[in-house]
Amino acid sequence: MCQHEYRQESPSLRRKRAPAERTTGLDTPLFSRLFYLVQDDSIRIMDIRIEVKPRLKEIQALLQQLGPVTYRQTASLKDFKDIVRGVLEKYSVYDLYIPTNYGVGDGIIGIDILQQVEQIFSLHLRYLYTHYTALGSVFPIKSYNETKKGVPTLTFFLYSTNDFLRTQNEIYSCAQRNDDMLIIGMNVLITSKHGLRYFYHYDDELYSVHHYSLSGIISNYTQAFFDVTSVKNNAQKKALSHILINPFGSVKIKTLPVRFVLTLTDSITSQYPQVTITILTGFHKLKHHWFWRLKLKILLLSRRYSGQVHFQNYSTFKTLFAILKQTDLVISTDTSISHIANYFNIRNISIFNRNKIGAITRTNLFSNSPLGFSLYGNNQFPALVVHSDWKKLTRGILGFIDYFFGNNSDTVWTKDLYDSEYIPSQSKELDAYTLEVNKKMDPLYKIKNY
């Protein structure tokens, strides 16, 4: 294990640095020289410049903020896990921080993995620090930036590059309390012993996110700390007995029309009379969700198949997991449920409303469209609704069901579900990577290549 001592530079030495440089104060016994971080994302060792990986740069930023700390780096996975195990075995409870840009689905996958860790180390979640207040019905939550009080605790962070500054500040706050911390996604353990602070880093590059599902990414993040079970993204089921429909998104514009859901259930139950459908009807305290559910229930009273349709509120995620384990297909307008479906290896259709995307720019496409959420594997298929053409979407979904769960080999439905020519036709300024991702969104491409 290679050990580095983190030290603050003297003011006189710091004044000699060029304005474009700022030191990390890292001194290695191998080189006996200082590392300098410069603005063009590289490190200078004397006059030799080497590239800085984003995670390494952020680790250096953490080291700068934490102050005096013993930095130990290892390339041995076994050594790092042994250190982690020694820390975890000292605790019975832990706190978890989920950054703001982790949605409910992303965070719940992380929580599900951590629950496996709870069983291994006999740990219990004390508080979940998050800005996603809806989780308060399931977990004991506190505000993400609420100051922790009391004795030092064990703290897990689900690290996110996009929200690093906020996470960095919270890590610093916990460090002042001498909390032991596991920063998942950064391969870092921070612990205090005998009044000294130790910063352990497992130095191994994470897998590329372009080839893995979200659950696979989070599993890769946890590999440095503990062994967990991850479901591979390779659905092969053919029988269809249960469908889960989630009509609500994180914003009201994403909500599926009641009439569309009614027409879809009419068509599915007509062609597949053995199928039962569960509709997730949101949070029972939200008026918008409550009125939507009431309207659909009234319309279903005249349907003979009404007994095949069941309603389920967002109550507990244990209930949701139990439903998903009996589900063959998920249809959702919110990516959180789709992420969880991917995790459980269930085929799913993620519906995106063109009106929600706004301008066809790279930023919008990767924030509000299938391009940012449906790239991974052959489980998750995108559906893009243009000009509120819900009839076209219905055809696409029915064609999807007939292809994967029936005996139809026709793929004409793929154009009804997602027309890969639409997005490029709306802008001539998309870069090559965006166009390549758009091509891989095409259900026909997924069928042929996954």
Protein backbone atom coordinates (compact mmCIF):
# COMPACT_ATOMS: atom_id res chain seq x y z
CA MET A 1 0.00 0.00 0.00
CA CYS A 2 1.45 3.34 -1.04
CA GLN A 3 1.23 6.05 1.62
CA HIS A 4 1.16 9.82 1.08
CA GLU A 5 1.20 12.47 3.79
CA TYR A 6 -1.02 15.47 3.03
CA ARG A 7 0.53 18.76 4.15
CA GLN A 8 -0.29 22.40 3.72
CA GLU A 9 2.37 24.41 1.85
CA SER A 10 4.04 27.32 3.53
CA PRO A 11 2.72 30.76 2.44
CA SER A 12 6.12 31.67 0.99
CA LEU A 13 6.17 28.62 -1.28
CA ARG A 14 2.55 29.14 -2.34
CA ARG A 15 3.28 32.75 -3.43
CA LYS A 16 5.87 31.45 -5.91
CA ARG A 17 3.29 29.42 -7.85
CA ALA A 18 2.02 30.68 -11.16
CA PRO A 19 -1.60 32.01 -11.01
CA ALA A 20 -2.79 29.15 -13.23
CA GLU A 21 -1.56 26.55 -10.76
CA ARG A 22 -2.78 25.49 -7.35
CA THR A 23 -1.04 22.85 -5.30
CA THR A 24 -2.67 19.82 -3.71
CA GLY A 25 0.18 19.61 -1.22
CA LEU A 26 0.67 15.89 -1.98
CA ASP A 27 4.21 14.66 -1.46
CA THR A 28 5.04 11.10 -2.53
CA PRO A 29 7.95 9.07 -1.16
CA LEU A 30 8.46 7.71 -4.68
CA PHE A 31 9.12 11.09 -6.30
CA SER A 32 9.65 13.35 -3.26
CA ARG A 33 8.12 16.15 -5.32
CA LEU A 34 4.93 18.20 -5.13
CA PHE A 35 1.98 17.60 -7.45
CA TYR A 36 0.56 20.77 -9.02
CA LEU A 37 -2.91 20.96 -10.53
CA VAL A 38 -3.19 23.33 -13.49
CA GLN A 39 -6.19 24.76 -15.32
CA ASP A 40 -5.99 22.49 -18.36
CA ASP A 41 -6.93 19.43 -16.30
CA SER A 42 -3.44 18.03 -15.95
CA ILE A 43 -0.89 17.54 -13.21
CA ARG A 44 2.66 18.85 -13.43
CA ILE A 45 5.40 16.89 -11.69
CA MET A 46 8.37 19.20 -12.03
CA ASP A 47 8.20 19.96 -15.77
CA ILE A 48 6.40 16.77 -16.78
CA ARG A 49 2.66 17.11 -17.41
CA ILE A 50 0.26 14.19 -17.11
CA GLU A 51 -3.50 13.93 -17.62
CA VAL A 52 -5.80 14.10 -14.59
CA LYS A 53 -8.79 11.77 -14.45
CA PRO A 54 -11.93 13.62 -13.29
CA ARG A 55 -12.25 11.48 -10.18
CA LEU A 56 -8.60 12.05 -9.21
CA LYS A 57 -9.06 15.80 -9.58
CA GLU A 58 -12.07 15.70 -7.27
CA ILE A 59 -10.21 13.56 -4.77
CA GLN A 60 -7.49 16.22 -4.72
CA ALA A 61 -10.14 18.89 -4.14
CA LEU A 62 -11.41 16.89 -1.16
CA LEU A 63 -7.91 16.55 0.24
CA GLN A 64 -7.38 20.30 0.01
CA GLN A 65 -10.57 20.99 1.94
CA LEU A 66 -10.13 18.34 4.63
CA GLY A 67 -6.85 19.71 5.95
CA PRO A 68 -4.24 17.50 7.66
CA VAL A 69 -4.90 13.90 6.68
CA THR A 70 -2.88 10.76 6.01
CA TYR A 71 -3.53 9.71 2.40
CA ARG A 72 -3.12 6.02 1.58
CA GLN A 73 -3.63 4.66 -1.89
CA THR A 74 -3.87 1.01 -2.86
CA ALA A 75 -4.35 -0.95 -6.06
CA SER A 76 -5.24 -4.07 -4.07
CA LEU A 77 -9.00 -4.64 -3.93
CA LYS A 78 -8.57 -7.17 -1.13
CA ASP A 79 -6.57 -4.75 1.03
CA PHE A 80 -9.12 -1.99 0.55
CA LYS A 81 -12.09 -4.25 1.37
CA ASP A 82 -10.31 -5.49 4.50
CA ILE A 83 -9.97 -1.89 5.70
CA VAL A 84 -13.65 -1.19 4.91
CA ARG A 85 -14.75 -4.33 6.72
CA GLY A 86 -12.80 -3.31 9.82
CA VAL A 87 -14.63 0.04 9.89
CA LEU A 88 -18.13 -1.29 9.17
CA GLU A 89 -17.92 -3.96 11.85
CA LYS A 90 -17.63 -1.24 14.53
CA TYR A 91 -21.12 0.16 13.82
CA SER A 92 -24.75 -0.87 14.16
CA VAL A 93 -26.33 2.18 12.43
CA TYR A 94 -25.41 4.38 9.47
CA ASP A 95 -26.60 7.53 7.69
CA LEU A 96 -26.96 7.84 3.92
CA TYR A 97 -26.62 10.96 1.74
CA ILE A 98 -28.27 10.97 -1.70
CA PRO A 99 -27.31 14.02 -3.84
CA THR A 100 -30.06 16.14 -5.37
CA ASN A 101 -29.49 14.91 -8.91
CA TYR A 102 -30.10 11.31 -7.89
CA GLY A 103 -33.77 10.68 -8.72
CA VAL A 104 -35.97 8.41 -6.67
CA GLY A 105 -35.25 5.42 -8.94
CA ASP A 106 -31.49 5.97 -8.96
CA GLY A 107 -31.42 6.44 -5.23
CA ILE A 108 -33.64 3.45 -4.50
CA ILE A 109 -31.37 1.18 -6.51
CA GLY A 110 -28.51 2.47 -4.38
CA ILE A 111 -30.57 1.89 -1.23
CA ASP A 112 -31.51 -1.61 -2.36
CA ILE A 113 -27.81 -2.43 -2.77
CA LEU A 114 -27.01 -0.91 0.61
CA GLN A 115 -29.77 -3.01 2.17
CA GLN A 116 -27.79 -6.05 1.09
CA VAL A 117 -24.85 -4.55 2.97
CA GLU A 118 -27.07 -4.09 6.03
CA GLN A 119 -27.66 -7.83 6.11
CA ILE A 120 -23.96 -8.62 5.76
CA PHE A 121 -22.78 -6.24 8.49
CA SER A 122 -25.95 -6.10 10.68
CA LEU A 123 -26.36 -2.36 10.02
CA HIS A 124 -29.51 -0.25 10.33
CA LEU A 125 -30.30 2.99 8.44
CA ARG A 126 -30.72 5.85 10.90
CA TYR A 127 -31.35 8.84 8.60
CA LEU A 128 -31.53 9.37 4.86
CA TYR A 129 -30.27 12.86 3.98
CA THR A 130 -32.00 13.99 0.78
CA HIS A 131 -33.96 16.84 -0.82
CA TYR A 132 -36.45 14.31 -2.23
CA THR A 133 -39.03 14.72 0.55
CA ALA A 134 -41.42 12.14 -0.95
CA LEU A 135 -39.12 9.46 0.44
CA GLY A 136 -40.24 10.55 3.91
CA SER A 137 -43.16 8.13 3.69
CA VAL A 138 -40.71 5.26 3.37
CA PHE A 139 -37.51 6.26 5.18
CA PRO A 140 -36.58 8.49 8.14
CA ILE A 141 -35.34 11.51 6.20
CA LYS A 142 -33.57 14.77 6.93
CA SER A 143 -32.68 17.69 4.69
CA TYR A 144 -29.57 16.99 2.63
CA ASN A 145 -27.68 19.96 4.10
CA GLU A 146 -28.96 19.66 7.66
CA THR A 147 -26.13 19.71 10.19
CA LYS A 148 -25.61 16.40 11.95
CA LYS A 149 -25.44 16.43 15.73
CA GLY A 150 -24.36 14.03 18.42
CA VAL A 151 -21.62 11.42 18.48
CA PRO A 152 -19.61 10.50 15.33
CA THR A 153 -21.45 8.10 13.04
CA LEU A 154 -20.89 5.91 9.99
CA THR A 155 -21.95 7.80 6.85
CA PHE A 156 -22.43 6.59 3.26
CA PHE A 157 -22.38 9.05 0.35
CA LEU A 158 -23.74 8.15 -3.10
CA TYR A 159 -21.23 10.33 -4.90
CA SER A 160 -22.21 12.19 -8.07
CA THR A 161 -19.88 14.12 -10.36
CA ASN A 162 -22.70 16.48 -11.37
CA ASP A 163 -23.35 17.46 -7.76
CA PHE A 164 -19.82 17.21 -6.44
CA LEU A 165 -19.57 20.66 -4.86
CA ARG A 166 -22.61 20.11 -2.63
CA THR A 167 -21.42 16.61 -1.74
CA GLN A 168 -17.92 17.92 -1.05
CA ASN A 169 -19.30 20.44 1.46
CA GLU A 170 -21.30 17.76 3.27
CA ILE A 171 -18.26 15.46 3.38
CA TYR A 172 -16.26 18.29 4.90
CA SER A 173 -19.01 18.90 7.48
CA CYS A 174 -19.04 15.22 8.47
CA ALA A 175 -15.25 15.22 8.64
CA GLN A 176 -15.38 17.99 11.24
CA ARG A 177 -17.48 15.65 13.37
CA ASN A 178 -14.92 12.85 12.82
CA ASP A 179 -17.53 10.68 11.09
CA ASP A 180 -16.28 7.55 9.33
CA MET A 181 -17.33 7.90 5.67
CA LEU A 182 -17.64 5.63 2.64
CA ILE A 183 -17.87 7.66 -0.57
CA ILE A 184 -19.45 5.25 -3.03
CA GLY A 185 -18.50 6.10 -6.61
CA MET A 186 -15.19 7.63 -5.58
CA ASN A 187 -13.64 4.50 -3.99
CA VAL A 188 -12.80 6.48 -0.86
CA LEU A 189 -12.94 5.66 2.85
CA ILE A 190 -12.30 8.42 5.40
CA THR A 191 -11.80 7.34 8.99
CA SER A 192 -10.37 8.75 12.21
CA LYS A 193 -8.12 6.86 14.62
CA HIS A 194 -6.39 8.18 17.73
CA GLY A 195 -7.08 11.78 16.78
CA LEU A 196 -5.67 11.37 13.25
CA ARG A 197 -7.69 11.37 10.01
CA TYR A 198 -6.97 8.73 7.35
CA PHE A 199 -8.02 8.96 3.70
CA TYR A 200 -7.97 5.56 1.92
CA HIS A 201 -8.37 5.43 -1.85
CA TYR A 202 -8.73 2.31 -3.99
CA ASP A 203 -7.07 3.40 -7.22
CA ASP A 204 -8.96 1.65 -9.99
CA GLU A 205 -10.78 3.31 -12.88
CA LEU A 206 -14.55 2.70 -12.92
CA TYR A 207 -16.15 1.06 -15.91
CA SER A 208 -17.41 3.23 -18.74
CA VAL A 209 -21.04 4.26 -18.21
CA HIS A 210 -21.78 3.88 -21.91
CA HIS A 211 -22.05 0.10 -21.73
CA TYR A 212 -23.91 -0.54 -18.50
CA SER A 213 -27.36 -0.09 -17.04
CA LEU A 214 -27.79 2.26 -14.11
CA SER A 215 -27.97 -0.66 -11.70
CA GLY A 216 -24.76 -1.99 -13.26
CA ILE A 217 -23.06 1.37 -12.79
CA ILE A 218 -24.03 1.56 -9.12
CA SER A 219 -22.92 -2.04 -8.61
CA ASN A 220 -19.57 -1.14 -10.14
CA TYR A 221 -19.37 1.81 -7.77
CA THR A 222 -19.82 -0.49 -4.78
CA GLN A 223 -17.33 -3.13 -5.92
CA ALA A 224 -14.48 -1.51 -4.00
CA PHE A 225 -16.38 -1.71 -0.71
CA PHE A 226 -18.42 -4.89 -0.61
CA ASP A 227 -19.78 -7.71 -2.75
CA VAL A 228 -23.40 -7.24 -3.85
CA THR A 229 -25.71 -9.02 -6.25
CA SER A 230 -26.49 -7.19 -9.48
CA VAL A 231 -29.05 -8.35 -12.04
CA LYS A 232 -27.72 -8.49 -15.59
CA ASN A 233 -29.56 -6.56 -18.27
CA ASN A 234 -30.68 -9.51 -20.40
CA ALA A 235 -34.44 -10.15 -20.21
CA GLN A 236 -35.61 -13.30 -21.96
CA LYS A 237 -39.10 -13.92 -20.54
CA LYS A 238 -41.84 -14.64 -23.07
CA ALA A 239 -44.94 -15.38 -21.00
CA LEU A 240 -47.14 -12.38 -20.15
CA SER A 241 -49.37 -12.45 -17.09
CA HIS A 242 -48.88 -9.10 -15.32
CA ILE A 243 -48.26 -5.52 -16.50
CA LEU A 244 -47.41 -2.53 -14.32
CA ILE A 245 -48.35 0.95 -15.56
CA ASN A 246 -46.95 4.09 -13.93
CA PRO A 247 -48.80 7.17 -15.31
CA PHE A 248 -47.11 9.83 -13.15
CA GLY A 249 -43.80 11.60 -13.65
CA SER A 250 -41.77 13.99 -11.57
CA VAL A 251 -43.61 16.95 -13.14
CA LYS A 252 -47.27 17.28 -14.09
CA ILE A 253 -46.63 17.63 -17.85
CA LYS A 254 -45.33 14.04 -17.88
CA THR A 255 -48.62 12.61 -16.55
CA LEU A 256 -50.29 10.19 -18.96
CA PRO A 257 -53.85 11.17 -19.98
CA VAL A 258 -56.58 9.13 -18.30
CA ARG A 259 -58.20 8.41 -21.68
CA PHE A 260 -54.92 7.02 -23.07
CA VAL A 261 -54.49 4.65 -20.11
CA LEU A 262 -58.14 3.58 -20.46
CA THR A 263 -57.75 2.87 -24.20
CA LEU A 264 -54.50 1.00 -23.57
CA THR A 265 -56.06 -1.21 -20.88
CA ASP A 266 -59.07 -1.82 -23.17
CA SER A 267 -56.76 -3.05 -25.94
CA ILE A 268 -54.46 -5.13 -23.74
CA THR A 269 -57.24 -6.95 -21.88
CA SER A 270 -59.04 -7.60 -25.17
CA GLN A 271 -56.01 -9.27 -26.77
CA TYR A 272 -54.65 -10.83 -23.56
CA PRO A 273 -57.62 -11.76 -21.33
CA GLN A 274 -55.33 -13.64 -18.93
CA VAL A 275 -53.32 -10.51 -18.12
CA THR A 276 -53.76 -8.50 -14.93
CA ILE A 277 -52.75 -4.83 -14.83
CA THR A 278 -51.55 -2.86 -11.81
CA ILE A 279 -51.67 0.92 -12.10
CA LEU A 280 -49.43 2.91 -9.79
CA THR A 281 -51.64 5.79 -8.73
CA GLY A 282 -49.07 8.05 -7.14
CA PHE A 283 -49.02 9.55 -3.67
CA HIS A 284 -52.41 9.44 -1.94
CA LYS A 285 -51.93 12.93 -0.43
CA LEU A 286 -51.38 14.68 -3.78
CA LYS A 287 -54.67 16.07 -5.15
CA HIS A 288 -53.53 15.74 -8.76
CA HIS A 289 -52.86 12.02 -8.28
CA TRP A 290 -56.06 11.52 -6.28
CA PHE A 291 -58.37 13.09 -8.92
CA TRP A 292 -56.61 11.23 -11.75
CA ARG A 293 -57.18 7.91 -9.96
CA LEU A 294 -60.84 8.73 -9.22
CA LYS A 295 -61.55 9.62 -12.85
CA LEU A 296 -60.07 6.36 -14.15
CA LYS A 297 -61.90 4.27 -11.55
CA ILE A 298 -65.24 5.81 -12.58
CA LEU A 299 -64.55 5.10 -16.26
CA LEU A 300 -63.59 1.49 -15.47
CA LEU A 301 -66.91 0.77 -13.77
CA SER A 302 -68.54 0.13 -17.15
CA ARG A 303 -65.78 -2.26 -18.24
CA ARG A 304 -66.29 -6.00 -17.90
CA TYR A 305 -62.59 -6.51 -17.27
CA SER A 306 -62.49 -4.08 -14.32
CA GLY A 307 -61.51 -6.98 -12.04
CA GLN A 308 -58.28 -7.40 -14.03
CA VAL A 309 -57.13 -3.87 -13.15
CA HIS A 310 -55.72 -3.10 -9.72
CA PHE A 311 -54.58 0.18 -8.18
CA GLN A 312 -51.55 0.67 -5.95
CA ASN A 313 -50.37 3.86 -4.25
CA TYR A 314 -46.75 4.69 -3.64
CA SER A 315 -46.77 3.25 -0.11
CA THR A 316 -43.52 1.44 0.57
CA PHE A 317 -40.82 0.34 -1.79
CA LYS A 318 -41.00 -3.13 -0.31
CA THR A 319 -44.55 -3.28 -1.68
CA LEU A 320 -43.36 -1.97 -5.05
CA PHE A 321 -40.54 -4.53 -5.16
CA ALA A 322 -43.01 -7.31 -4.35
CA ILE A 323 -45.24 -6.21 -7.26
CA LEU A 324 -42.30 -5.90 -9.65
CA LYS A 325 -41.10 -9.40 -8.91
CA GLN A 326 -44.43 -10.66 -10.32
CA THR A 327 -44.37 -8.28 -13.31
CA ASP A 328 -43.51 -9.13 -16.90
CA LEU A 329 -43.73 -5.65 -18.44
CA VAL A 330 -43.50 -2.11 -17.04
CA ILE A 331 -44.93 0.90 -18.89
CA SER A 332 -43.84 4.14 -17.23
CA THR A 333 -43.71 7.85 -17.91
CA ASP A 334 -41.12 8.31 -15.15
CA THR A 335 -37.60 6.95 -15.45
CA SER A 336 -37.35 6.09 -11.75
CA ILE A 337 -39.68 3.09 -12.14
CA SER A 338 -37.89 2.13 -15.35
CA HIS A 339 -34.54 2.15 -13.55
CA ILE A 340 -35.94 -0.19 -10.92
CA ALA A 341 -37.45 -2.42 -13.64
CA ASN A 342 -34.02 -2.64 -15.26
CA TYR A 343 -32.58 -3.61 -11.90
CA PHE A 344 -35.09 -6.47 -11.63
CA ASN A 345 -34.43 -7.51 -15.24
CA ILE A 346 -37.93 -6.62 -16.47
CA ARG A 347 -38.69 -5.36 -19.96
CA ASN A 348 -40.06 -1.84 -19.83
CA ILE A 349 -41.21 1.03 -22.03
CA SER A 350 -40.22 4.56 -20.96
CA ILE A 351 -42.60 7.20 -22.33
CA PHE A 352 -41.24 10.68 -23.08
CA ASN A 353 -43.46 13.63 -23.99
CA ARG A 354 -41.99 15.78 -26.77
CA ASN A 355 -43.56 18.84 -25.11
CA LYS A 356 -41.37 18.23 -22.05
CA ILE A 357 -38.10 18.25 -23.99
CA GLY A 358 -38.28 21.86 -25.13
CA ALA A 359 -35.63 23.00 -27.62
CA ILE A 360 -33.77 20.23 -29.43
CA THR A 361 -30.36 20.89 -27.93
CA ARG A 362 -27.77 18.45 -26.65
CA THR A 363 -28.42 19.50 -23.05
CA ASN A 364 -32.19 19.06 -23.31
CA LEU A 365 -31.90 15.77 -25.14
CA PHE A 366 -29.75 14.24 -22.44
CA SER A 367 -31.82 15.72 -19.60
CA ASN A 368 -35.40 15.22 -20.75
CA SER A 369 -35.45 12.69 -23.57
CA PRO A 370 -34.78 8.99 -24.21
CA LEU A 371 -31.19 9.84 -25.10
CA GLY A 372 -30.35 10.41 -21.46
CA PHE A 373 -32.22 7.45 -19.99
CA SER A 374 -32.80 4.57 -22.40
CA LEU A 375 -29.37 3.77 -23.80
CA TYR A 376 -28.58 0.69 -21.79
CA GLY A 377 -29.34 -2.87 -22.81
CA ASN A 378 -32.36 -4.59 -24.31
CA ASN A 379 -34.67 -4.23 -21.32
CA GLN A 380 -35.54 -0.56 -21.61
CA PHE A 381 -37.23 0.73 -24.77
CA PRO A 382 -38.02 4.41 -25.37
CA ALA A 383 -41.33 5.81 -26.59
CA LEU A 384 -41.41 9.41 -27.83
CA VAL A 385 -44.85 11.06 -28.03
CA VAL A 386 -44.91 13.80 -30.68
CA HIS A 387 -47.88 16.16 -31.22
CA SER A 388 -49.80 14.28 -28.49
CA ASP A 389 -50.34 11.35 -30.88
CA TRP A 390 -51.50 8.87 -28.25
CA LYS A 391 -53.07 6.57 -30.86
CA LYS A 392 -49.66 6.06 -32.44
CA LEU A 393 -48.16 5.30 -29.03
CA THR A 394 -50.93 2.77 -28.33
CA ARG A 395 -50.14 0.99 -31.62
CA GLY A 396 -46.46 0.95 -30.74
CA ILE A 397 -47.03 -0.52 -27.27
CA LEU A 398 -49.42 -3.19 -28.56
CA GLY A 399 -46.93 -4.09 -31.29
CA PHE A 400 -44.17 -4.31 -28.68
CA ILE A 401 -46.27 -6.67 -26.54
CA ASP A 402 -47.17 -8.83 -29.53
CA TYR A 403 -43.51 -9.04 -30.59
CA PHE A 404 -41.97 -9.89 -27.23
CA PHE A 405 -44.83 -11.79 -25.59
CA GLY A 406 -46.80 -13.09 -28.58
CA ASN A 407 -45.92 -14.83 -31.83
CA ASN A 408 -45.55 -11.80 -34.12
CA SER A 409 -42.13 -11.19 -35.70
CA ASP A 410 -43.22 -7.97 -37.47
CA THR A 411 -41.20 -4.92 -36.38
CA VAL A 412 -43.31 -2.16 -37.94
CA TRP A 413 -44.31 -1.14 -34.41
CA THR A 414 -40.79 0.19 -33.74
CA LYS A 415 -41.53 3.35 -35.77
CA ASP A 416 -44.72 3.95 -33.78
CA LEU A 417 -42.81 3.61 -30.52
CA TYR A 418 -39.71 5.64 -31.38
CA ASP A 419 -38.90 7.23 -34.73
CA SER A 420 -35.13 7.69 -34.69
CA GLU A 421 -35.37 10.12 -37.61
CA TYR A 422 -37.43 12.65 -35.66
CA ILE A 423 -34.80 14.22 -33.41
CA PRO A 424 -32.18 14.72 -36.17
CA SER A 425 -34.88 16.29 -38.34
CA GLN A 426 -35.44 18.99 -35.70
CA SER A 427 -31.86 20.27 -35.56
CA LYS A 428 -28.82 20.37 -37.83
CA GLU A 429 -26.45 21.20 -34.98
CA LEU A 430 -26.31 17.87 -33.14
CA ASP A 431 -22.83 16.45 -32.62
CA ALA A 432 -21.72 13.00 -33.74
CA TYR A 433 -22.04 11.44 -30.29
CA THR A 434 -25.65 12.62 -29.90
CA LEU A 435 -26.53 11.22 -33.33
CA GLU A 436 -24.87 7.92 -32.45
CA VAL A 437 -26.81 7.66 -29.18
CA ASN A 438 -30.04 8.52 -31.02
CA LYS A 439 -29.37 5.65 -33.43
CA LYS A 440 -28.95 3.25 -30.52
CA MET A 441 -32.30 4.36 -29.08
CA ASP A 442 -34.10 2.88 -32.08
CA PRO A 443 -35.99 -0.23 -30.88
CA LEU A 444 -35.04 -1.92 -34.15
CA TYR A 445 -31.37 -1.31 -33.36
CA LYS A 446 -31.83 -2.71 -29.85
CA ILE A 447 -33.50 -5.85 -31.22
CA LYS A 448 -30.67 -6.49 -33.68
CA ASN A 449 -27.68 -5.56 -31.54
CA TYR A 450 -28.40 -6.56 -27.94
